[in-house]
Amino acid sequence: MRTPGVSRWPDPALVADAELVHYVEVQLAGAIGGASARIMVASVVKEETLTIDEVRDILDEASQVVVYSHRLELRSRASWRRRPPSCARPTSG
């Protein structure tokens, strides 16, 4: 029995235009990286099924990249703070 006023999702009649697909890809890219987002969006657009293992691998790889990026940023900030003042400021020539 369906609840009145509540539609089923996804609606089979729903069609995503290019702008929506791009928006979704950009949002996913912010969370899982551009390459992973492209793979996921492309598979949905082509109506290909990703296995749970493929999705897990994509998410695992994306989270490893996020962790690596975060560590690199922390190291960069720490190294910048340790520089002598003469290296931190540009000199006029």
PDB file of N, CA and C in Angstrom:
ATOM      1  N   MET A   1       0.832  -1.174   0.000  1.00  0.00           N
ATOM      2  CA  MET A   1       0.000   0.000   0.000  1.00  0.00           C
ATOM      3  C   MET A   1       0.884   1.246   0.000  1.00  0.00           C
ATOM      4  N   ARG A   2       0.565   2.185  -0.860  1.00  0.00           N
ATOM      5  CA  ARG A   2       1.339   3.425  -0.957  1.00  0.00           C
ATOM      6  C   ARG A   2       0.743   4.494  -0.065  1.00  0.00           C
ATOM      7  N   THR A   3       1.614   5.300   0.487  1.00  0.00           N
ATOM      8  CA  THR A   3       1.177   6.424   1.296  1.00  0.00           C
ATOM      9  C   THR A   3       0.772   7.547   0.365  1.00  0.00           C
ATOM     10  N   PRO A   4      -0.426   8.125   0.572  1.00  0.00           N
ATOM     11  CA  PRO A   4      -0.858   9.229  -0.296  1.00  0.00           C
ATOM     12  C   PRO A   4       0.123  10.393  -0.249  1.00  0.00           C
ATOM     13  N   GLY A   5       0.431  10.948  -1.410  1.00  0.00           N
ATOM     14  CA  GLY A   5       1.318  12.096  -1.501  1.00  0.00           C
ATOM     15  C   GLY A   5       2.802  11.752  -1.488  1.00  0.00           C
ATOM     16  N   VAL A   6       3.149  10.468  -1.340  1.00  0.00           N
ATOM     17  CA  VAL A   6       4.548  10.056  -1.329  1.00  0.00           C
ATOM     18  C   VAL A   6       4.820   9.281  -2.616  1.00  0.00           C
ATOM     19  N   SER A   7       5.748   9.782  -3.396  1.00  0.00           N
ATOM     20  CA  SER A   7       6.046   9.106  -4.654  1.00  0.00           C
ATOM     21  C   SER A   7       7.167   8.105  -4.464  1.00  0.00           C
ATOM     22  N   ARG A   8       7.230   7.147  -5.374  1.00  0.00           N
ATOM     23  CA  ARG A   8       8.324   6.180  -5.337  1.00  0.00           C
ATOM     24  C   ARG A   8       9.558   6.833  -5.923  1.00  0.00           C
ATOM     25  N   TRP A   9      10.704   6.472  -5.370  1.00  0.00           N
ATOM     26  CA  TRP A   9      11.947   6.997  -5.894  1.00  0.00           C
ATOM     27  C   TRP A   9      12.862   5.837  -6.204  1.00  0.00           C
ATOM     28  N   PRO A  10      13.550   5.812  -7.269  1.00  0.00           N
ATOM     29  CA  PRO A  10      13.495   6.822  -8.318  1.00  0.00           C
ATOM     30  C   PRO A  10      12.286   6.619  -9.215  1.00  0.00           C
ATOM     31  N   ASP A  11      11.740   7.698  -9.631  1.00  0.00           N
ATOM     32  CA  ASP A  11      10.598   7.674 -10.536  1.00  0.00           C
ATOM     33  C   ASP A  11      11.094   7.241 -11.911  1.00  0.00           C
ATOM     34  N   PRO A  12      10.544   6.175 -12.480  1.00  0.00           N
ATOM     35  CA  PRO A  12      11.033   5.704 -13.783  1.00  0.00           C
ATOM     36  C   PRO A  12      10.866   6.743 -14.891  1.00  0.00           C
ATOM     37  N   ALA A  13       9.947   7.682 -14.707  1.00  0.00           N
ATOM     38  CA  ALA A  13       9.740   8.707 -15.726  1.00  0.00           C
ATOM     39  C   ALA A  13      10.700   9.885 -15.565  1.00  0.00           C
ATOM     40  N   LEU A  14      11.465   9.904 -14.488  1.00  0.00           N
ATOM     41  CA  LEU A  14      12.389  10.998 -14.228  1.00  0.00           C
ATOM     42  C   LEU A  14      13.562  10.943 -15.210  1.00  0.00           C
ATOM     43  N   VAL A  15      13.821  12.055 -15.868  1.00  0.00           N
ATOM     44  CA  VAL A  15      14.913  12.147 -16.821  1.00  0.00           C
ATOM     45  C   VAL A  15      15.869  13.230 -16.338  1.00  0.00           C
ATOM     46  N   ALA A  16      17.143  12.890 -16.233  1.00  0.00           N
ATOM     47  CA  ALA A  16      18.142  13.857 -15.786  1.00  0.00           C
ATOM     48  C   ALA A  16      18.743  14.553 -16.993  1.00  0.00           C
ATOM     49  N   ASP A  17      18.716  15.881 -16.982  1.00  0.00           N
ATOM     50  CA  ASP A  17      19.348  16.617 -18.073  1.00  0.00           C
ATOM     51  C   ASP A  17      20.842  16.761 -17.787  1.00  0.00           C
ATOM     52  N   ALA A  18      21.570  17.275 -18.756  1.00  0.00           N
ATOM     53  CA  ALA A  18      23.031  17.382 -18.636  1.00  0.00           C
ATOM     54  C   ALA A  18      23.441  18.240 -17.449  1.00  0.00           C
ATOM     55  N   GLU A  19      22.669  19.284 -17.165  1.00  0.00           N
ATOM     56  CA  GLU A  19      23.004  20.171 -16.047  1.00  0.00           C
ATOM     57  C   GLU A  19      22.906  19.426 -14.712  1.00  0.00           C
ATOM     58  N   LEU A  20      21.886  18.607 -14.536  1.00  0.00           N
ATOM     59  CA  LEU A  20      21.730  17.834 -13.307  1.00  0.00           C
ATOM     60  C   LEU A  20      22.850  16.804 -13.181  1.00  0.00           C
ATOM     61  N   VAL A  21      23.161  16.130 -14.265  1.00  0.00           N
ATOM     62  CA  VAL A  21      24.227  15.126 -14.244  1.00  0.00           C
ATOM     63  C   VAL A  21      25.551  15.788 -13.868  1.00  0.00           C
ATOM     64  N   HIS A  22      25.827  16.949 -14.440  1.00  0.00           N
ATOM     65  CA  HIS A  22      27.055  17.674 -14.120  1.00  0.00           C
ATOM     66  C   HIS A  22      27.076  18.085 -12.648  1.00  0.00           C
ATOM     67  N   TYR A  23      25.955  18.595 -12.155  1.00  0.00           N
ATOM     68  CA  TYR A  23      25.856  19.008 -10.753  1.00  0.00           C
ATOM     69  C   TYR A  23      26.143  17.830  -9.819  1.00  0.00           C
ATOM     70  N   VAL A  24      25.541  16.687 -10.109  1.00  0.00           N
ATOM     71  CA  VAL A  24      25.749  15.498  -9.283  1.00  0.00           C
ATOM     72  C   VAL A  24      27.219  15.082  -9.323  1.00  0.00           C
ATOM     73  N   GLU A  25      27.816  15.122 -10.508  1.00  0.00           N
ATOM     74  CA  GLU A  25      29.222  14.736 -10.630  1.00  0.00           C
ATOM     75  C   GLU A  25      30.120  15.668  -9.821  1.00  0.00           C
ATOM     76  N   VAL A  26      29.849  16.963  -9.864  1.00  0.00           N
ATOM     77  CA  VAL A  26      30.649  17.929  -9.112  1.00  0.00           C
ATOM     78  C   VAL A  26      30.503  17.681  -7.606  1.00  0.00           C
ATOM     79  N   GLN A  27      29.274  17.411  -7.157  1.00  0.00           N
ATOM     80  CA  GLN A  27      29.060  17.145  -5.734  1.00  0.00           C
ATOM     81  C   GLN A  27      29.769  15.874  -5.298  1.00  0.00           C
ATOM     82  N   LEU A  28      29.674  14.837  -6.095  1.00  0.00           N
ATOM     83  CA  LEU A  28      30.384  13.594  -5.784  1.00  0.00           C
ATOM     84  C   LEU A  28      31.897  13.807  -5.797  1.00  0.00           C
ATOM     85  N   ALA A  29      32.379  14.580  -6.754  1.00  0.00           N
ATOM     86  CA  ALA A  29      33.815  14.819  -6.865  1.00  0.00           C
ATOM     87  C   ALA A  29      34.373  15.462  -5.603  1.00  0.00           C
ATOM     88  N   GLY A  30      33.581  16.331  -4.989  1.00  0.00           N
ATOM     89  CA  GLY A  30      34.013  16.954  -3.751  1.00  0.00           C
ATOM     90  C   GLY A  30      34.173  15.962  -2.621  1.00  0.00           C
ATOM     91  N   ALA A  31      33.449  14.873  -2.684  1.00  0.00           N
ATOM     92  CA  ALA A  31      33.495  13.875  -1.618  1.00  0.00           C
ATOM     93  C   ALA A  31      34.421  12.708  -1.929  1.00  0.00           C
ATOM     94  N   ILE A  32      34.436  12.253  -3.181  1.00  0.00           N
ATOM     95  CA  ILE A  32      35.185  11.031  -3.499  1.00  0.00           C
ATOM     96  C   ILE A  32      36.244  11.228  -4.575  1.00  0.00           C
ATOM     97  N   GLY A  33      36.382  12.441  -5.098  1.00  0.00           N
ATOM     98  CA  GLY A  33      37.391  12.698  -6.123  1.00  0.00           C
ATOM     99  C   GLY A  33      36.791  12.675  -7.523  1.00  0.00           C
ATOM    100  N   GLY A  34      37.408  13.424  -8.404  1.00  0.00           N
ATOM    101  CA  GLY A  34      36.886  13.593  -9.754  1.00  0.00           C
ATOM    102  C   GLY A  34      36.804  12.323 -10.570  1.00  0.00           C
ATOM    103  N   ALA A  35      37.869  11.533 -10.544  1.00  0.00           N
ATOM    104  CA  ALA A  35      37.890  10.310 -11.356  1.00  0.00           C
ATOM    105  C   ALA A  35      36.830   9.324 -10.878  1.00  0.00           C
ATOM    106  N   SER A  36      36.717   9.159  -9.573  1.00  0.00           N
ATOM    107  CA  SER A  36      35.718   8.239  -9.028  1.00  0.00           C
ATOM    108  C   SER A  36      34.303   8.722  -9.342  1.00  0.00           C
ATOM    109  N   ALA A  37      34.094  10.023  -9.233  1.00  0.00           N
ATOM    110  CA  ALA A  37      32.779  10.589  -9.533  1.00  0.00           C
ATOM    111  C   ALA A  37      32.413  10.352 -10.996  1.00  0.00           C
ATOM    112  N   ARG A  38      33.384  10.549 -11.894  1.00  0.00           N
ATOM    113  CA  ARG A  38      33.111  10.320 -13.323  1.00  0.00           C
ATOM    114  C   ARG A  38      32.719   8.876 -13.593  1.00  0.00           C
ATOM    115  N   ILE A  39      33.427   7.942 -12.958  1.00  0.00           N
ATOM    116  CA  ILE A  39      33.113   6.524 -13.148  1.00  0.00           C
ATOM    117  C   ILE A  39      31.689   6.230 -12.675  1.00  0.00           C
ATOM    118  N   MET A  40      31.347   6.717 -11.497  1.00  0.00           N
ATOM    119  CA  MET A  40      30.017   6.439 -10.953  1.00  0.00           C
ATOM    120  C   MET A  40      28.915   7.063 -11.795  1.00  0.00           C
ATOM    121  N   VAL A  41      29.097   8.326 -12.173  1.00  0.00           N
ATOM    122  CA  VAL A  41      28.073   9.001 -12.968  1.00  0.00           C
ATOM    123  C   VAL A  41      27.953   8.358 -14.343  1.00  0.00           C
ATOM    124  N   ALA A  42      29.075   8.043 -14.957  1.00  0.00           N
ATOM    125  CA  ALA A  42      29.037   7.411 -16.280  1.00  0.00           C
ATOM    126  C   ALA A  42      28.321   6.071 -16.229  1.00  0.00           C
ATOM    127  N   SER A  43      28.553   5.306 -15.182  1.00  0.00           N
ATOM    128  CA  SER A  43      27.890   4.004 -15.096  1.00  0.00           C
ATOM    129  C   SER A  43      26.389   4.153 -14.908  1.00  0.00           C
ATOM    130  N   VAL A  44      25.976   5.179 -14.177  1.00  0.00           N
ATOM    131  CA  VAL A  44      24.536   5.414 -13.989  1.00  0.00           C
ATOM    132  C   VAL A  44      23.907   5.902 -15.289  1.00  0.00           C
ATOM    133  N   VAL A  45      24.586   6.831 -15.956  1.00  0.00           N
ATOM    134  CA  VAL A  45      24.057   7.374 -17.211  1.00  0.00           C
ATOM    135  C   VAL A  45      23.913   6.277 -18.254  1.00  0.00           C
ATOM    136  N   LYS A  46      24.894   5.351 -18.302  1.00  0.00           N
ATOM    137  CA  LYS A  46      24.846   4.243 -19.262  1.00  0.00           C
ATOM    138  C   LYS A  46      23.986   3.087 -18.748  1.00  0.00           C
ATOM    139  N   GLU A  47      23.460   3.243 -17.540  1.00  0.00           N
ATOM    140  CA  GLU A  47      22.653   2.209 -16.895  1.00  0.00           C
ATOM    141  C   GLU A  47      23.435   0.912 -16.716  1.00  0.00           C
ATOM    142  N   GLU A  48      24.731   1.055 -16.450  1.00  0.00           N
ATOM    143  CA  GLU A  48      25.566  -0.103 -16.140  1.00  0.00           C
ATOM    144  C   GLU A  48      25.512  -0.322 -14.628  1.00  0.00           C
ATOM    145  N   THR A  49      25.605  -1.532 -14.233  1.00  0.00           N
ATOM    146  CA  THR A  49      25.586  -1.850 -12.817  1.00  0.00           C
ATOM    147  C   THR A  49      27.002  -1.995 -12.299  1.00  0.00           C
ATOM    148  N   LEU A  50      27.293  -1.262 -11.237  1.00  0.00           N
ATOM    149  CA  LEU A  50      28.567  -1.450 -10.549  1.00  0.00           C
ATOM    150  C   LEU A  50      28.333  -2.467  -9.449  1.00  0.00           C
ATOM    151  N   THR A  51      29.239  -3.401  -9.320  1.00  0.00           N
ATOM    152  CA  THR A  51      29.107  -4.365  -8.233  1.00  0.00           C
ATOM    153  C   THR A  51      29.444  -3.673  -6.917  1.00  0.00           C
ATOM    154  N   ILE A  52      29.018  -4.266  -5.823  1.00  0.00           N
ATOM    155  CA  ILE A  52      29.324  -3.699  -4.521  1.00  0.00           C
ATOM    156  C   ILE A  52      30.833  -3.651  -4.300  1.00  0.00           C
ATOM    157  N   ASP A  53      31.554  -4.636  -4.826  1.00  0.00           N
ATOM    158  CA  ASP A  53      33.012  -4.625  -4.706  1.00  0.00           C
ATOM    159  C   ASP A  53      33.627  -3.452  -5.464  1.00  0.00           C
ATOM    160  N   GLU A  54      33.104  -3.145  -6.647  1.00  0.00           N
ATOM    161  CA  GLU A  54      33.618  -2.009  -7.421  1.00  0.00           C
ATOM    162  C   GLU A  54      33.348  -0.696  -6.696  1.00  0.00           C
ATOM    163  N   VAL A  55      32.154  -0.549  -6.144  1.00  0.00           N
ATOM    164  CA  VAL A  55      31.821   0.667  -5.393  1.00  0.00           C
ATOM    165  C   VAL A  55      32.729   0.769  -4.164  1.00  0.00           C
ATOM    166  N   ARG A  56      32.912  -0.327  -3.463  1.00  0.00           N
ATOM    167  CA  ARG A  56      33.778  -0.337  -2.281  1.00  0.00           C
ATOM    168  C   ARG A  56      35.205   0.039  -2.652  1.00  0.00           C
ATOM    169  N   ASP A  57      35.713  -0.504  -3.773  1.00  0.00           N
ATOM    170  CA  ASP A  57      37.067  -0.180  -4.220  1.00  0.00           C
ATOM    171  C   ASP A  57      37.205   1.310  -4.556  1.00  0.00           C
ATOM    172  N   ILE A  58      36.196   1.854  -5.218  1.00  0.00           N
ATOM    173  CA  ILE A  58      36.213   3.281  -5.565  1.00  0.00           C
ATOM    174  C   ILE A  58      36.238   4.123  -4.293  1.00  0.00           C
ATOM    175  N   LEU A  59      35.367   3.794  -3.351  1.00  0.00           N
ATOM    176  CA  LEU A  59      35.311   4.562  -2.107  1.00  0.00           C
ATOM    177  C   LEU A  59      36.582   4.390  -1.287  1.00  0.00           C
ATOM    178  N   ASP A  60      37.136   3.192  -1.283  1.00  0.00           N
ATOM    179  CA  ASP A  60      38.374   2.943  -0.550  1.00  0.00           C
ATOM    180  C   ASP A  60      39.518   3.765  -1.142  1.00  0.00           C
ATOM    181  N   GLU A  61      39.624   3.751  -2.454  1.00  0.00           N
ATOM    182  CA  GLU A  61      40.672   4.522  -3.112  1.00  0.00           C
ATOM    183  C   GLU A  61      40.490   6.013  -2.859  1.00  0.00           C
ATOM    184  N   ALA A  62      39.254   6.478  -2.939  1.00  0.00           N
ATOM    185  CA  ALA A  62      38.979   7.896  -2.705  1.00  0.00           C
ATOM    186  C   ALA A  62      39.330   8.293  -1.277  1.00  0.00           C
ATOM    187  N   SER A  63      39.005   7.445  -0.312  1.00  0.00           N
ATOM    188  CA  SER A  63      39.323   7.799   1.071  1.00  0.00           C
ATOM    189  C   SER A  63      40.829   7.777   1.314  1.00  0.00           C
ATOM    190  N   GLN A  64      41.557   6.888   0.645  1.00  0.00           N
ATOM    191  CA  GLN A  64      43.016   6.883   0.764  1.00  0.00           C
ATOM    192  C   GLN A  64      43.604   8.178   0.206  1.00  0.00           C
ATOM    193  N   VAL A  65      43.053   8.656  -0.894  1.00  0.00           N
ATOM    194  CA  VAL A  65      43.526   9.902  -1.487  1.00  0.00           C
ATOM    195  C   VAL A  65      43.243  11.070  -0.543  1.00  0.00           C
ATOM    196  N   VAL A  66      42.081  11.078   0.078  1.00  0.00           N
ATOM    197  CA  VAL A  66      41.728  12.154   1.012  1.00  0.00           C
ATOM    198  C   VAL A  66      42.683  12.150   2.200  1.00  0.00           C
ATOM    199  N   VAL A  67      42.967  10.981   2.753  1.00  0.00           N
ATOM    200  CA  VAL A  67      43.886  10.880   3.889  1.00  0.00           C
ATOM    201  C   VAL A  67      45.281  11.350   3.476  1.00  0.00           C
ATOM    202  N   TYR A  68      45.763  10.898   2.329  1.00  0.00           N
ATOM    203  CA  TYR A  68      47.081  11.304   1.843  1.00  0.00           C
ATOM    204  C   TYR A  68      47.134  12.817   1.651  1.00  0.00           C
ATOM    205  N   SER A  69      46.104  13.376   1.047  1.00  0.00           N
ATOM    206  CA  SER A  69      46.049  14.817   0.803  1.00  0.00           C
ATOM    207  C   SER A  69      46.067  15.593   2.112  1.00  0.00           C
ATOM    208  N   HIS A  70      45.325  15.103   3.088  1.00  0.00           N
ATOM    209  CA  HIS A  70      45.279  15.764   4.391  1.00  0.00           C
ATOM    210  C   HIS A  70      46.655  15.736   5.061  1.00  0.00           C
ATOM    211  N   ARG A  71      47.317  14.591   5.026  1.00  0.00           N
ATOM    212  CA  ARG A  71      48.656  14.478   5.618  1.00  0.00           C
ATOM    213  C   ARG A  71      49.650  15.386   4.908  1.00  0.00           C
ATOM    214  N   LEU A  72      49.565  15.443   3.591  1.00  0.00           N
ATOM    215  CA  LEU A  72      50.457  16.296   2.818  1.00  0.00           C
ATOM    216  C   LEU A  72      50.239  17.763   3.175  1.00  0.00           C
ATOM    217  N   GLU A  73      48.986  18.152   3.331  1.00  0.00           N
ATOM    218  CA  GLU A  73      48.676  19.529   3.708  1.00  0.00           C
ATOM    219  C   GLU A  73      49.235  19.857   5.096  1.00  0.00           C
ATOM    220  N   LEU A  74      49.092  18.934   6.050  1.00  0.00           N
ATOM    221  CA  LEU A  74      49.620  19.155   7.397  1.00  0.00           C
ATOM    222  C   LEU A  74      51.138  19.304   7.365  1.00  0.00           C
ATOM    223  N   ARG A  75      51.811  18.439   6.592  1.00  0.00           N
ATOM    224  CA  ARG A  75      53.268  18.528   6.479  1.00  0.00           C
ATOM    225  C   ARG A  75      53.691  19.845   5.844  1.00  0.00           C
ATOM    226  N   SER A  76      52.961  20.263   4.846  1.00  0.00           N
ATOM    227  CA  SER A  76      53.280  21.506   4.154  1.00  0.00           C
ATOM    228  C   SER A  76      53.141  22.697   5.105  1.00  0.00           C
ATOM    229  N   ARG A  77      52.064  22.699   5.882  1.00  0.00           N
ATOM    230  CA  ARG A  77      51.873  23.792   6.842  1.00  0.00           C
ATOM    231  C   ARG A  77      52.959  23.795   7.902  1.00  0.00           C
ATOM    232  N   ALA A  78      53.330  22.616   8.402  1.00  0.00           N
ATOM    233  CA  ALA A  78      54.368  22.513   9.429  1.00  0.00           C
ATOM    234  C   ALA A  78      55.710  22.981   8.875  1.00  0.00           C
ATOM    235  N   SER A  79      56.008  22.598   7.651  1.00  0.00           N
ATOM    236  CA  SER A  79      57.273  22.990   7.044  1.00  0.00           C
ATOM    237  C   SER A  79      57.301  24.498   6.795  1.00  0.00           C
ATOM    238  N   TRP A  80      56.185  25.075   6.437  1.00  0.00           N
ATOM    239  CA  TRP A  80      56.109  26.516   6.187  1.00  0.00           C
ATOM    240  C   TRP A  80      56.345  27.288   7.488  1.00  0.00           C
ATOM    241  N   ARG A  81      55.826  26.782   8.606  1.00  0.00           N
ATOM    242  CA  ARG A  81      56.002  27.451   9.896  1.00  0.00           C
ATOM    243  C   ARG A  81      57.450  27.377  10.383  1.00  0.00           C
ATOM    244  N   ARG A  82      58.202  26.360   9.976  1.00  0.00           N
ATOM    245  CA  ARG A  82      59.588  26.195  10.432  1.00  0.00           C
ATOM    246  C   ARG A  82      60.577  27.034   9.632  1.00  0.00           C
ATOM    247  N   ARG A  83      60.162  27.634   8.546  1.00  0.00           N
ATOM    248  CA  ARG A  83      61.092  28.413   7.711  1.00  0.00           C
ATOM    249  C   ARG A  83      61.514  29.688   8.427  1.00  0.00           C
ATOM    250  N   PRO A  84      62.751  30.078   8.195  1.00  0.00           N
ATOM    251  CA  PRO A  84      63.193  31.360   8.767  1.00  0.00           C
ATOM    252  C   PRO A  84      62.435  32.515   8.141  1.00  0.00           C
ATOM    253  N   PRO A  85      62.297  33.616   8.853  1.00  0.00           N
ATOM    254  CA  PRO A  85      61.523  34.761   8.341  1.00  0.00           C
ATOM    255  C   PRO A  85      61.998  35.248   6.972  1.00  0.00           C
ATOM    256  N   SER A  86      63.280  35.166   6.678  1.00  0.00           N
ATOM    257  CA  SER A  86      63.769  35.641   5.378  1.00  0.00           C
ATOM    258  C   SER A  86      63.228  34.815   4.225  1.00  0.00           C
ATOM    259  N   CYS A  87      62.923  33.532   4.476  1.00  0.00           N
ATOM    260  CA  CYS A  87      62.378  32.661   3.430  1.00  0.00           C
ATOM    261  C   CYS A  87      60.867  32.830   3.308  1.00  0.00           C
ATOM    262  N   ALA A  88      60.250  33.282   4.370  1.00  0.00           N
ATOM    263  CA  ALA A  88      58.786  33.370   4.374  1.00  0.00           C
ATOM    264  C   ALA A  88      58.295  34.612   3.662  1.00  0.00           C
ATOM    265  N   ARG A  89      59.120  35.658   3.634  1.00  0.00           N
ATOM    266  CA  ARG A  89      58.681  36.900   3.001  1.00  0.00           C
ATOM    267  C   ARG A  89      59.484  37.175   1.741  1.00  0.00           C
ATOM    268  N   PRO A  90      58.805  37.572   0.689  1.00  0.00           N
ATOM    269  CA  PRO A  90      59.558  37.918  -0.524  1.00  0.00           C
ATOM    270  C   PRO A  90      60.379  39.187  -0.288  1.00  0.00           C
ATOM    271  N   THR A  91      61.533  39.250  -0.875  1.00  0.00           N
ATOM    272  CA  THR A  91      62.384  40.442  -0.748  1.00  0.00           C
ATOM    273  C   THR A  91      62.210  41.306  -1.966  1.00  0.00           C
ATOM    274  N   SER A  92      62.304  42.601  -1.762  1.00  0.00           N
ATOM    275  CA  SER A  92      62.199  43.505  -2.914  1.00  0.00           C
ATOM    276  C   SER A  92      63.557  43.611  -3.590  1.00  0.00           C
ATOM    277  N   GLY A  93      63.541  43.644  -4.878  1.00  0.00           N
ATOM    278  CA  GLY A  93      64.817  43.575  -5.553  1.00  0.00           C
ATOM    279  C   GLY A  93      65.063  44.727  -6.373  1.00  0.00           C
TER     280      GLY A  93
END
